[in-house]
Amino acid sequence: MKRKIHTLTALLIGVVVLLGPIWTADHACASEASDLAQELTNPLADLMTIPIQMNFDRNIGVHDQGERIQTNIQPIIPIHLNDRWNLITRTIMPIIHQEDIYPGQGSQAGLGDITMTFFLSPKAPTTGGLVWGVGPVFIMPAATDSLLGSKKWSAGPSGAVLTMKGPWTLGALANHVWSFAGDSDRRNVNASLVQPFVSYTWSNAWSMSLQSESVYDWASEKWSVPVNLSVSKLVYLGKLPVSLQAGVGYWVETPDTGPEGWRFRLGVSFILPTLFGKE
């Protein structure tokens, strides 16, 4: 598994470095590519995208021998409600392969629980330049293996706020979920997500982002805190804008059986024409 991660990382970085500048120069002026690259750092952007993100974590489980590759397919669909409001839908469908996490259970592979978030967001920023959105978040117990999900239906509130100043994007996304139905033999879900982020986009459509996806489990009173640093490059495949990403992270705080040490991330985002309520 480690060899596969290292190979994919080297391959993606090589594609970004060698082919990214060529595609961008051939198909869009630098300013347009840079503007689009920065829009991708905004979780409430009026862009239909299909990000695919792969994360590799290790040192998981009671004996710190477990490893996990989680590939998140994350379609983002903006719906134009009227001339003032958008509804931004964000879905996360995780495909997981893990091994040696649970003693005596071997490996598991399949679909994990699906998360759907809806943000009602004004089309125009506030007079102070803030972009914001609020709405509900739902988690569906779609896991194909009992060890890949919670087997609980969960829901709660979510929100996001950010500002974009020059090449900088700074903001945070947060939610809280409680379980309300599901397998009574599984423990209840009561968790908060806090995701602060800051990014900088250069005029050549390169971006660098620093963020965390910190989760606090109120039942166990434990934090899971990764800090992730990534670089991305906007390129064009024909006329299709695509963002390629590679990153590394470190687990600052985790529960006793959580992942530890370094983590690795690869990603690609396809930017599509907006279809719903397009004016």
Protein backbone atom coordinates (compact mmCIF):
# COMPACT_ATOMS: atom_id res chain seq x y z
CA MET A 1 0.00 0.00 0.00
CA LYS A 2 2.80 2.44 0.84
CA ARG A 3 4.49 1.75 -2.49
CA LYS A 4 1.26 2.58 -4.33
CA ILE A 5 0.92 5.88 -2.48
CA HIS A 6 4.51 6.90 -3.23
CA THR A 7 4.11 6.01 -6.91
CA LEU A 8 0.85 7.94 -7.28
CA THR A 9 2.29 10.96 -5.47
CA ALA A 10 5.33 11.09 -7.73
CA LEU A 11 3.15 10.62 -10.82
CA LEU A 12 0.72 13.42 -9.97
CA ILE A 13 3.44 15.87 -8.98
CA GLY A 14 5.26 15.09 -12.23
CA VAL A 15 2.13 15.71 -14.31
CA VAL A 16 1.44 19.01 -12.54
CA VAL A 17 4.99 20.31 -12.88
CA LEU A 18 5.64 19.21 -16.46
CA LEU A 19 2.28 19.57 -18.18
CA GLY A 20 0.39 22.12 -16.08
CA PRO A 21 2.09 25.26 -17.49
CA ILE A 22 1.72 23.99 -21.08
CA TRP A 23 -2.03 23.31 -20.83
CA THR A 24 -2.73 26.60 -19.09
CA ALA A 25 -0.75 28.67 -21.58
CA ASP A 26 -2.46 27.04 -24.55
CA HIS A 27 -6.06 27.36 -23.44
CA ALA A 28 -6.59 30.38 -21.20
CA CYS A 29 -4.96 33.64 -20.34
CA ALA A 30 -3.08 33.64 -17.06
CA SER A 31 -5.47 36.02 -15.28
CA GLU A 32 -8.55 33.91 -16.07
CA ALA A 33 -6.82 30.74 -14.92
CA SER A 34 -5.64 32.43 -11.73
CA ASP A 35 -9.14 33.76 -10.94
CA LEU A 36 -10.65 30.31 -11.44
CA ALA A 37 -7.93 28.70 -9.32
CA GLN A 38 -8.75 31.08 -6.47
CA GLU A 39 -12.49 30.43 -6.81
CA LEU A 40 -11.75 26.77 -6.15
CA THR A 41 -10.42 27.72 -2.70
CA ASN A 42 -13.91 29.04 -1.83
CA PRO A 43 -16.22 26.23 -0.55
CA LEU A 44 -19.26 28.41 -1.40
CA ALA A 45 -18.19 29.29 -4.95
CA ASP A 46 -20.81 29.30 -7.70
CA LEU A 47 -18.99 26.48 -9.49
CA MET A 48 -20.12 22.96 -10.31
CA THR A 49 -17.15 20.75 -9.54
CA ILE A 50 -16.36 17.09 -8.98
CA PRO A 51 -13.38 16.86 -6.62
CA ILE A 52 -11.85 13.42 -6.07
CA GLN A 53 -9.54 13.32 -3.10
CA MET A 54 -7.44 10.41 -1.86
CA ASN A 55 -6.04 10.36 1.69
CA PHE A 56 -3.54 7.89 3.09
CA ASP A 57 -3.29 7.44 6.88
CA ARG A 58 -1.31 4.95 8.93
CA ASN A 59 -0.46 3.84 12.49
CA ILE A 60 -4.15 3.21 13.19
CA GLY A 61 -5.70 0.86 15.74
CA VAL A 62 -4.88 -0.65 19.09
CA HIS A 63 -1.46 -1.83 17.94
CA ASP A 64 -0.74 1.11 15.59
CA GLN A 65 -0.39 -1.32 12.67
CA GLY A 66 -3.39 -0.24 10.60
CA GLU A 67 -3.45 1.70 7.33
CA ARG A 68 -6.27 3.33 5.41
CA ILE A 69 -6.72 4.75 1.93
CA GLN A 70 -9.90 6.81 1.69
CA THR A 71 -10.95 8.21 -1.67
CA ASN A 72 -13.65 10.87 -1.35
CA ILE A 73 -15.82 11.61 -4.37
CA GLN A 74 -17.22 15.07 -3.55
CA PRO A 75 -19.61 16.57 -6.14
CA ILE A 76 -20.42 20.24 -5.44
CA ILE A 77 -23.56 21.52 -7.18
CA PRO A 78 -24.74 25.14 -6.92
CA ILE A 79 -28.46 25.72 -7.48
CA HIS A 80 -29.54 29.27 -8.40
CA LEU A 81 -32.71 29.91 -6.39
CA ASN A 82 -33.17 33.52 -7.52
CA ASP A 83 -31.13 36.63 -8.26
CA ARG A 84 -30.01 36.90 -4.62
CA TRP A 85 -29.54 33.36 -3.28
CA ASN A 86 -27.74 30.14 -4.13
CA LEU A 87 -28.14 26.71 -2.60
CA ILE A 88 -24.74 24.99 -2.55
CA THR A 89 -24.93 21.21 -2.18
CA ARG A 90 -21.79 19.36 -1.10
CA THR A 91 -21.74 15.54 -0.99
CA ILE A 92 -18.93 13.29 0.26
CA MET A 93 -19.00 9.65 -0.86
CA PRO A 94 -16.00 7.83 0.68
CA ILE A 95 -14.54 4.71 -0.87
CA ILE A 96 -12.34 3.07 1.76
CA HIS A 97 -9.70 0.38 1.83
CA GLN A 98 -8.24 -0.39 5.25
CA GLU A 99 -6.25 -3.19 6.80
CA ASP A 100 -5.04 -4.31 10.24
CA ILE A 101 -7.08 -1.67 12.05
CA TYR A 102 -9.28 -4.06 14.05
CA PRO A 103 -7.44 -7.02 15.63
CA GLY A 104 -8.32 -10.28 13.91
CA GLN A 105 -10.55 -8.61 11.28
CA GLY A 106 -8.07 -8.38 8.40
CA SER A 107 -8.93 -5.84 5.70
CA GLN A 108 -12.14 -4.14 4.61
CA ALA A 109 -13.00 -2.33 1.39
CA GLY A 110 -16.10 -0.58 0.15
CA LEU A 111 -18.30 2.47 0.50
CA GLY A 112 -18.41 4.42 3.76
CA ASP A 113 -21.14 6.64 5.20
CA ILE A 114 -22.31 9.43 2.86
CA THR A 115 -22.35 13.05 4.06
CA MET A 116 -24.58 15.67 2.40
CA THR A 117 -24.41 19.37 3.30
CA PHE A 118 -26.66 22.17 2.04
CA PHE A 119 -25.56 25.82 2.28
CA LEU A 120 -28.00 28.65 1.65
CA SER A 121 -25.67 31.45 0.57
CA PRO A 122 -26.14 35.01 -0.78
CA LYS A 123 -24.75 35.48 -4.27
CA ALA A 124 -23.10 38.78 -3.30
CA PRO A 125 -20.64 39.20 -0.41
CA THR A 126 -21.55 41.49 2.48
CA THR A 127 -20.42 45.11 2.45
CA GLY A 128 -17.44 44.00 4.54
CA GLY A 129 -16.48 41.38 1.94
CA LEU A 130 -17.66 38.30 3.81
CA VAL A 131 -19.05 35.27 2.00
CA TRP A 132 -21.24 33.05 4.17
CA GLY A 133 -23.64 30.12 4.05
CA VAL A 134 -25.73 28.12 6.51
CA GLY A 135 -27.81 24.97 6.32
CA PRO A 136 -28.23 21.37 7.45
CA VAL A 137 -25.84 18.44 7.20
CA PHE A 138 -26.97 14.80 6.97
CA ILE A 139 -24.99 11.57 7.33
CA MET A 140 -26.48 8.41 5.83
CA PRO A 141 -25.33 4.94 7.00
CA ALA A 142 -24.40 3.75 3.51
CA ALA A 143 -21.32 1.75 4.50
CA THR A 144 -21.07 -1.61 2.76
CA ASP A 145 -19.19 -3.09 5.73
CA SER A 146 -20.06 -2.57 9.39
CA LEU A 147 -16.42 -1.64 10.10
CA LEU A 148 -16.48 1.17 7.52
CA GLY A 149 -19.30 3.24 9.02
CA SER A 150 -21.31 4.19 12.09
CA LYS A 151 -24.57 2.38 11.13
CA LYS A 152 -26.32 5.53 12.38
CA TRP A 153 -28.44 8.23 10.75
CA SER A 154 -27.11 11.62 11.87
CA ALA A 155 -27.92 15.27 11.22
CA GLY A 156 -27.23 18.78 12.48
CA PRO A 157 -26.41 22.38 11.54
CA SER A 158 -23.54 23.54 9.34
CA GLY A 159 -22.07 26.89 8.37
CA ALA A 160 -19.20 28.49 6.48
CA VAL A 161 -17.73 31.98 6.38
CA LEU A 162 -14.77 33.36 4.43
CA THR A 163 -13.23 36.42 2.87
CA MET A 164 -11.12 36.82 -0.27
CA LYS A 165 -8.58 39.65 -0.25
CA GLY A 166 -6.31 39.87 -3.25
CA PRO A 167 -4.69 36.44 -3.72
CA TRP A 168 -5.65 35.35 -0.18
CA THR A 169 -8.66 33.26 0.88
CA LEU A 170 -9.28 32.92 4.61
CA GLY A 171 -12.21 31.27 6.36
CA ALA A 172 -13.70 28.32 8.20
CA LEU A 173 -16.36 25.64 7.80
CA ALA A 174 -18.04 23.94 10.74
CA ASN A 175 -20.84 21.54 11.59
CA HIS A 176 -22.21 19.42 14.41
CA VAL A 177 -24.04 16.12 14.04
CA TRP A 178 -26.11 13.97 16.38
CA SER A 179 -27.38 10.49 15.58
CA PHE A 180 -31.15 10.08 15.68
CA ALA A 181 -31.73 6.56 14.30
CA GLY A 182 -29.91 3.41 13.31
CA ASP A 183 -28.42 0.33 14.93
CA SER A 184 -29.12 0.50 18.65
CA ASP A 185 -26.10 -1.68 19.37
CA ARG A 186 -23.73 0.94 17.96
CA ARG A 187 -22.68 3.97 19.98
CA ASN A 188 -24.41 7.28 19.32
CA VAL A 189 -22.82 9.98 17.19
CA ASN A 190 -22.22 13.37 18.80
CA ALA A 191 -19.38 15.16 17.02
CA SER A 192 -18.27 18.63 15.93
CA LEU A 193 -16.19 19.45 12.84
CA VAL A 194 -14.14 22.66 12.63
CA GLN A 195 -12.28 23.27 9.36
CA PRO A 196 -10.27 26.53 9.28
CA PHE A 197 -8.38 27.25 6.06
CA VAL A 198 -6.09 29.80 4.45
CA SER A 199 -4.80 29.76 0.89
CA TYR A 200 -2.75 31.87 -1.48
CA THR A 201 -3.09 31.82 -5.28
CA TRP A 202 -0.35 33.03 -7.61
CA SER A 203 -0.89 34.65 -11.01
CA ASN A 204 0.28 31.44 -12.74
CA ALA A 205 -2.71 29.50 -11.26
CA TRP A 206 -0.71 27.71 -8.56
CA SER A 207 -2.28 27.70 -5.10
CA MET A 208 -1.03 26.72 -1.67
CA SER A 209 -3.43 25.88 1.15
CA LEU A 210 -3.08 25.25 4.87
CA GLN A 211 -6.08 23.79 6.68
CA SER A 212 -7.30 21.41 9.33
CA GLU A 213 -10.30 19.08 9.56
CA SER A 214 -10.52 18.91 13.34
CA VAL A 215 -13.22 16.72 14.89
CA TYR A 216 -14.23 16.68 18.55
CA ASP A 217 -16.09 13.58 19.76
CA TRP A 218 -18.27 14.70 22.65
CA ALA A 219 -18.93 11.11 23.76
CA SER A 220 -15.26 10.17 24.21
CA GLU A 221 -14.13 13.78 24.81
CA LYS A 222 -11.30 13.29 22.31
CA TRP A 223 -9.96 15.48 19.49
CA SER A 224 -8.78 14.35 16.05
CA VAL A 225 -6.64 17.20 14.64
CA PRO A 226 -4.76 16.88 11.35
CA VAL A 227 -2.90 19.86 9.85
CA ASN A 228 -2.70 19.64 6.05
CA LEU A 229 -0.52 21.57 3.61
CA SER A 230 -1.21 21.18 -0.10
CA VAL A 231 -0.32 22.71 -3.45
CA SER A 232 -2.56 22.71 -6.51
CA LYS A 233 -2.34 23.76 -10.13
CA LEU A 234 -5.17 24.68 -12.49
CA VAL A 235 -4.68 23.15 -15.94
CA TYR A 236 -6.85 22.60 -19.01
CA LEU A 237 -7.65 19.26 -20.63
CA GLY A 238 -8.89 20.58 -23.94
CA LYS A 239 -11.44 23.14 -22.79
CA LEU A 240 -12.12 21.44 -19.45
CA PRO A 241 -10.55 23.18 -16.42
CA VAL A 242 -9.01 20.72 -14.00
CA SER A 243 -7.22 21.32 -10.71
CA LEU A 244 -4.51 18.87 -9.64
CA GLN A 245 -3.51 18.70 -5.99
CA ALA A 246 -0.86 17.03 -3.84
CA GLY A 247 -0.33 17.48 -0.14
CA VAL A 248 1.05 16.25 3.13
CA GLY A 249 -0.32 16.46 6.65
CA TYR A 250 0.46 15.56 10.23
CA TRP A 251 -1.83 14.32 13.02
CA VAL A 252 -1.29 16.74 15.89
CA GLU A 253 -3.89 15.08 18.14
CA THR A 254 -5.82 11.81 17.82
CA PRO A 255 -7.62 9.28 20.04
CA ASP A 256 -5.65 6.25 21.21
CA THR A 257 -6.76 4.16 18.22
CA GLY A 258 -6.68 6.99 15.67
CA PRO A 259 -4.09 7.57 12.93
CA GLU A 260 -0.73 8.99 13.93
CA GLY A 261 2.19 10.70 12.24
CA TRP A 262 2.28 11.85 8.63
CA ARG A 263 -0.54 11.58 6.10
CA PHE A 264 -0.58 12.06 2.35
CA ARG A 265 -3.18 13.51 -0.02
CA LEU A 266 -3.74 13.49 -3.79
CA GLY A 267 -6.63 15.19 -5.53
CA VAL A 268 -8.17 16.22 -8.81
CA SER A 269 -11.14 18.55 -9.36
CA PHE A 270 -13.12 18.77 -12.58
CA ILE A 271 -14.91 22.10 -13.17
CA LEU A 272 -18.17 21.73 -15.09
CA PRO A 273 -20.78 24.19 -16.44
CA THR A 274 -23.48 25.11 -13.92
CA LEU A 275 -26.71 23.37 -14.93
CA PHE A 276 -29.33 24.11 -12.27
CA GLY A 277 -31.08 27.47 -12.45
CA LYS A 278 -28.49 28.96 -14.75
CA GLU A 279 -29.40 32.48 -15.71
